[in-house]
Amino acid sequence: MKFDNPLVAVSLAVVGIEFDNRDGSNRRFALAMCEVGDRIELRLEPDNPADENAVAVYSAGGMQIGYITSVRAVRISALLRDGREIQAVLQRKTKFGAWIRVAFDGERPALTSAMLEDHDEPEAEPVREEPDFYPDEVWPDD
């Protein structure tokens, strides 16, 4: 199916990783088994008691690793219900869960090196050299 309004690829957060799945499997373990670039499947959960727009996130091995955030799930679930083709890959793992890269309508999600960097961790302070001169201090009443 061809749509008139092309959608651009996005990165989406995967949350809820700290909870076990209904079958008792561990989401953190499921995510640990994934590699960057692995295929990710998005599944609607219209009977989810917490959110009728819930979109569950599954690894290529078929294990659930979490959910799209509820704010983003509204749009993604509508796209899935409308028959939009959605392809996703694991972008990177994080402390809170993961980021996935999602593309629409037959496009393949592409990862750049900047997307793979962990922006959640503070960077180390740069090493500063001593300046050659010290400017005069500017006083508030000047």
C-alpha atoms as a PDB file:
ATOM      1  CA  MET A   1       0.000   0.000   0.000  1.00  0.00           C
ATOM      2  CA  LYS A   2       1.360   3.422  -0.983  1.00  0.00           C
ATOM      3  CA  PHE A   3       0.735   6.418   1.290  1.00  0.00           C
ATOM      4  CA  ASP A   4       0.767  10.057   0.173  1.00  0.00           C
ATOM      5  CA  ASN A   5       2.469  11.389   3.295  1.00  0.00           C
ATOM      6  CA  PRO A   6       5.927   9.824   3.694  1.00  0.00           C
ATOM      7  CA  LEU A   7       7.132   9.499   7.264  1.00  0.00           C
ATOM      8  CA  VAL A   8      10.715  10.087   8.364  1.00  0.00           C
ATOM      9  CA  ALA A   9      12.589   7.544  10.472  1.00  0.00           C
ATOM     10  CA  VAL A  10      12.655   8.142  14.234  1.00  0.00           C
ATOM     11  CA  SER A  11      14.387   6.845  17.335  1.00  0.00           C
ATOM     12  CA  LEU A  12      12.057   5.602  20.067  1.00  0.00           C
ATOM     13  CA  ALA A  13      12.753   4.770  23.700  1.00  0.00           C
ATOM     14  CA  VAL A  14      11.945   1.282  24.977  1.00  0.00           C
ATOM     15  CA  VAL A  15      10.833   1.261  28.618  1.00  0.00           C
ATOM     16  CA  GLY A  16       9.505  -1.241  31.154  1.00  0.00           C
ATOM     17  CA  ILE A  17      12.581  -3.421  30.951  1.00  0.00           C
ATOM     18  CA  GLU A  18      12.697  -3.841  34.736  1.00  0.00           C
ATOM     19  CA  PHE A  19       9.514  -5.960  34.668  1.00  0.00           C
ATOM     20  CA  ASP A  20       9.335  -9.652  33.873  1.00  0.00           C
ATOM     21  CA  ASN A  21       7.159 -10.881  31.006  1.00  0.00           C
ATOM     22  CA  ARG A  22       3.876 -12.698  31.598  1.00  0.00           C
ATOM     23  CA  ASP A  23       5.593 -16.008  30.806  1.00  0.00           C
ATOM     24  CA  GLY A  24       8.203 -15.306  33.508  1.00  0.00           C
ATOM     25  CA  SER A  25      11.021 -14.504  31.083  1.00  0.00           C
ATOM     26  CA  ASN A  26      13.335 -11.659  31.998  1.00  0.00           C
ATOM     27  CA  ARG A  27      13.332  -8.593  29.728  1.00  0.00           C
ATOM     28  CA  ARG A  28      16.844  -7.520  30.730  1.00  0.00           C
ATOM     29  CA  PHE A  29      18.131 -10.947  29.754  1.00  0.00           C
ATOM     30  CA  ALA A  30      16.225 -10.762  26.456  1.00  0.00           C
ATOM     31  CA  LEU A  31      17.799  -7.375  25.718  1.00  0.00           C
ATOM     32  CA  ALA A  32      21.252  -8.618  26.730  1.00  0.00           C
ATOM     33  CA  MET A  33      20.959 -11.247  23.986  1.00  0.00           C
ATOM     34  CA  CYS A  34      20.385  -8.544  21.340  1.00  0.00           C
ATOM     35  CA  GLU A  35      23.052  -6.825  19.263  1.00  0.00           C
ATOM     36  CA  VAL A  36      22.975  -3.355  17.756  1.00  0.00           C
ATOM     37  CA  GLY A  37      21.252  -3.558  14.373  1.00  0.00           C
ATOM     38  CA  ASP A  38      19.175  -6.633  15.257  1.00  0.00           C
ATOM     39  CA  ARG A  39      15.642  -6.635  13.904  1.00  0.00           C
ATOM     40  CA  ILE A  40      12.972  -5.519  16.375  1.00  0.00           C
ATOM     41  CA  GLU A  41       9.263  -6.284  16.102  1.00  0.00           C
ATOM     42  CA  LEU A  42       6.506  -3.968  17.303  1.00  0.00           C
ATOM     43  CA  ARG A  43       3.204  -5.581  18.343  1.00  0.00           C
ATOM     44  CA  LEU A  44      -0.084  -3.969  19.275  1.00  0.00           C
ATOM     45  CA  GLU A  45      -1.587  -4.899  22.648  1.00  0.00           C
ATOM     46  CA  PRO A  46      -5.148  -3.537  22.430  1.00  0.00           C
ATOM     47  CA  ASP A  47      -6.207  -5.631  25.456  1.00  0.00           C
ATOM     48  CA  ASN A  48      -3.475  -4.215  27.683  1.00  0.00           C
ATOM     49  CA  PRO A  49      -5.261  -3.101  30.882  1.00  0.00           C
ATOM     50  CA  ALA A  50      -2.843  -0.213  31.455  1.00  0.00           C
ATOM     51  CA  ASP A  51      -2.959   1.303  27.946  1.00  0.00           C
ATOM     52  CA  GLU A  52      -5.198   0.451  25.006  1.00  0.00           C
ATOM     53  CA  ASN A  53      -2.530   1.930  22.681  1.00  0.00           C
ATOM     54  CA  ALA A  54       0.295  -0.180  24.137  1.00  0.00           C
ATOM     55  CA  VAL A  55       2.970  -1.242  21.651  1.00  0.00           C
ATOM     56  CA  ALA A  56       5.141  -4.099  22.876  1.00  0.00           C
ATOM     57  CA  VAL A  57       8.732  -4.406  21.654  1.00  0.00           C
ATOM     58  CA  TYR A  58      10.105  -7.863  20.797  1.00  0.00           C
ATOM     59  CA  SER A  59      13.603  -9.054  19.946  1.00  0.00           C
ATOM     60  CA  ALA A  60      14.394 -10.977  16.772  1.00  0.00           C
ATOM     61  CA  GLY A  61      14.295 -14.082  18.981  1.00  0.00           C
ATOM     62  CA  GLY A  62      10.652 -13.402  19.856  1.00  0.00           C
ATOM     63  CA  MET A  63      11.183 -12.310  23.476  1.00  0.00           C
ATOM     64  CA  GLN A  64       9.567  -9.140  24.750  1.00  0.00           C
ATOM     65  CA  ILE A  65      12.076  -6.500  25.870  1.00  0.00           C
ATOM     66  CA  GLY A  66       9.637  -3.737  26.833  1.00  0.00           C
ATOM     67  CA  TYR A  67       7.230  -1.148  25.465  1.00  0.00           C
ATOM     68  CA  ILE A  68       7.282   2.039  23.435  1.00  0.00           C
ATOM     69  CA  THR A  69       6.621   4.966  25.795  1.00  0.00           C
ATOM     70  CA  SER A  70       2.914   5.721  26.194  1.00  0.00           C
ATOM     71  CA  VAL A  71       3.332   9.164  24.621  1.00  0.00           C
ATOM     72  CA  ARG A  72       4.773   7.680  21.417  1.00  0.00           C
ATOM     73  CA  ALA A  73       2.567   4.564  21.494  1.00  0.00           C
ATOM     74  CA  VAL A  74      -0.516   6.596  20.570  1.00  0.00           C
ATOM     75  CA  ARG A  75       0.974   7.507  17.176  1.00  0.00           C
ATOM     76  CA  ILE A  76       2.775   4.225  16.524  1.00  0.00           C
ATOM     77  CA  SER A  77      -0.307   2.132  17.363  1.00  0.00           C
ATOM     78  CA  ALA A  78      -2.425   4.287  15.016  1.00  0.00           C
ATOM     79  CA  LEU A  79       0.102   3.753  12.222  1.00  0.00           C
ATOM     80  CA  LEU A  80       0.120  -0.006  12.820  1.00  0.00           C
ATOM     81  CA  ARG A  81      -3.697  -0.126  12.803  1.00  0.00           C
ATOM     82  CA  ASP A  82      -3.719   1.887   9.544  1.00  0.00           C
ATOM     83  CA  GLY A  83      -1.532  -0.762   7.912  1.00  0.00           C
ATOM     84  CA  ARG A  84       1.670   1.251   7.717  1.00  0.00           C
ATOM     85  CA  GLU A  85       4.715  -0.961   7.326  1.00  0.00           C
ATOM     86  CA  ILE A  86       7.107  -0.380  10.204  1.00  0.00           C
ATOM     87  CA  GLN A  87      10.633  -1.767  10.358  1.00  0.00           C
ATOM     88  CA  ALA A  88      12.767  -1.379  13.470  1.00  0.00           C
ATOM     89  CA  VAL A  89      16.259  -2.263  14.652  1.00  0.00           C
ATOM     90  CA  LEU A  90      18.026  -2.037  17.986  1.00  0.00           C
ATOM     91  CA  GLN A  91      19.866   1.288  18.073  1.00  0.00           C
ATOM     92  CA  ARG A  92      21.555   0.912  21.464  1.00  0.00           C
ATOM     93  CA  LYS A  93      21.069  -0.334  24.989  1.00  0.00           C
ATOM     94  CA  THR A  94      20.752   2.121  27.891  1.00  0.00           C
ATOM     95  CA  LYS A  95      20.337   2.060  31.660  1.00  0.00           C
ATOM     96  CA  PHE A  96      16.574   2.629  31.330  1.00  0.00           C
ATOM     97  CA  GLY A  97      16.110   0.099  28.518  1.00  0.00           C
ATOM     98  CA  ALA A  98      16.981   0.787  24.913  1.00  0.00           C
ATOM     99  CA  TRP A  99      16.606   3.003  21.893  1.00  0.00           C
ATOM    100  CA  ILE A 100      15.287   1.551  18.662  1.00  0.00           C
ATOM    101  CA  ARG A 101      15.404   3.101  15.197  1.00  0.00           C
ATOM    102  CA  VAL A 102      12.121   2.895  13.322  1.00  0.00           C
ATOM    103  CA  ALA A 103      11.437   3.471   9.612  1.00  0.00           C
ATOM    104  CA  PHE A 104       8.140   3.444   7.750  1.00  0.00           C
ATOM    105  CA  ASP A 105       6.543   2.353   4.477  1.00  0.00           C
ATOM    106  CA  GLY A 106       9.243   0.023   3.184  1.00  0.00           C
ATOM    107  CA  GLU A 107      12.192   2.151   4.249  1.00  0.00           C
ATOM    108  CA  ARG A 108      14.932   0.430   6.223  1.00  0.00           C
ATOM    109  CA  PRO A 109      16.081   2.006   9.464  1.00  0.00           C
ATOM    110  CA  ALA A 110      19.656   3.247   9.156  1.00  0.00           C
ATOM    111  CA  LEU A 111      22.033   3.756  12.067  1.00  0.00           C
ATOM    112  CA  THR A 112      24.735   6.411  12.124  1.00  0.00           C
ATOM    113  CA  SER A 113      27.723   6.484  14.449  1.00  0.00           C
ATOM    114  CA  ALA A 114      26.178   9.423  16.354  1.00  0.00           C
ATOM    115  CA  MET A 115      23.099   7.310  17.121  1.00  0.00           C
ATOM    116  CA  LEU A 116      25.253   4.655  18.726  1.00  0.00           C
ATOM    117  CA  GLU A 117      26.884   7.029  21.227  1.00  0.00           C
ATOM    118  CA  ASP A 118      25.649   6.907  24.792  1.00  0.00           C
ATOM    119  CA  HIS A 119      24.420  10.415  25.549  1.00  0.00           C
ATOM    120  CA  ASP A 120      23.009   9.317  28.919  1.00  0.00           C
ATOM    121  CA  GLU A 121      26.449   9.283  30.550  1.00  0.00           C
ATOM    122  CA  PRO A 122      28.191  12.540  31.396  1.00  0.00           C
ATOM    123  CA  GLU A 123      31.345  13.125  29.436  1.00  0.00           C
ATOM    124  CA  ALA A 124      34.669  13.448  31.196  1.00  0.00           C
ATOM    125  CA  GLU A 125      35.857  16.976  31.894  1.00  0.00           C
ATOM    126  CA  PRO A 126      38.286  18.153  29.205  1.00  0.00           C
ATOM    127  CA  VAL A 127      41.853  18.673  30.282  1.00  0.00           C
ATOM    128  CA  ARG A 128      42.529  22.407  30.430  1.00  0.00           C
ATOM    129  CA  GLU A 129      45.926  23.926  29.998  1.00  0.00           C
ATOM    130  CA  GLU A 130      46.967  26.924  32.060  1.00  0.00           C
ATOM    131  CA  PRO A 131      46.303  30.137  30.137  1.00  0.00           C
ATOM    132  CA  ASP A 132      49.223  32.361  29.102  1.00  0.00           C
ATOM    133  CA  PHE A 133      47.686  35.388  30.799  1.00  0.00           C
ATOM    134  CA  TYR A 134      44.939  36.174  33.284  1.00  0.00           C
ATOM    135  CA  PRO A 135      42.567  39.023  32.357  1.00  0.00           C
ATOM    136  CA  ASP A 136      41.761  41.676  34.898  1.00  0.00           C
ATOM    137  CA  GLU A 137      38.712  40.878  36.936  1.00  0.00           C
ATOM    138  CA  VAL A 138      35.624  42.938  36.070  1.00  0.00           C
ATOM    139  CA  TRP A 139      33.917  44.246  39.185  1.00  0.00           C
ATOM    140  CA  PRO A 140      30.119  44.647  39.338  1.00  0.00           C
ATOM    141  CA  ASP A 141      30.321  48.436  39.884  1.00  0.00           C
ATOM    142  CA  ASP A 142      32.510  49.093  36.791  1.00  0.00           C
END
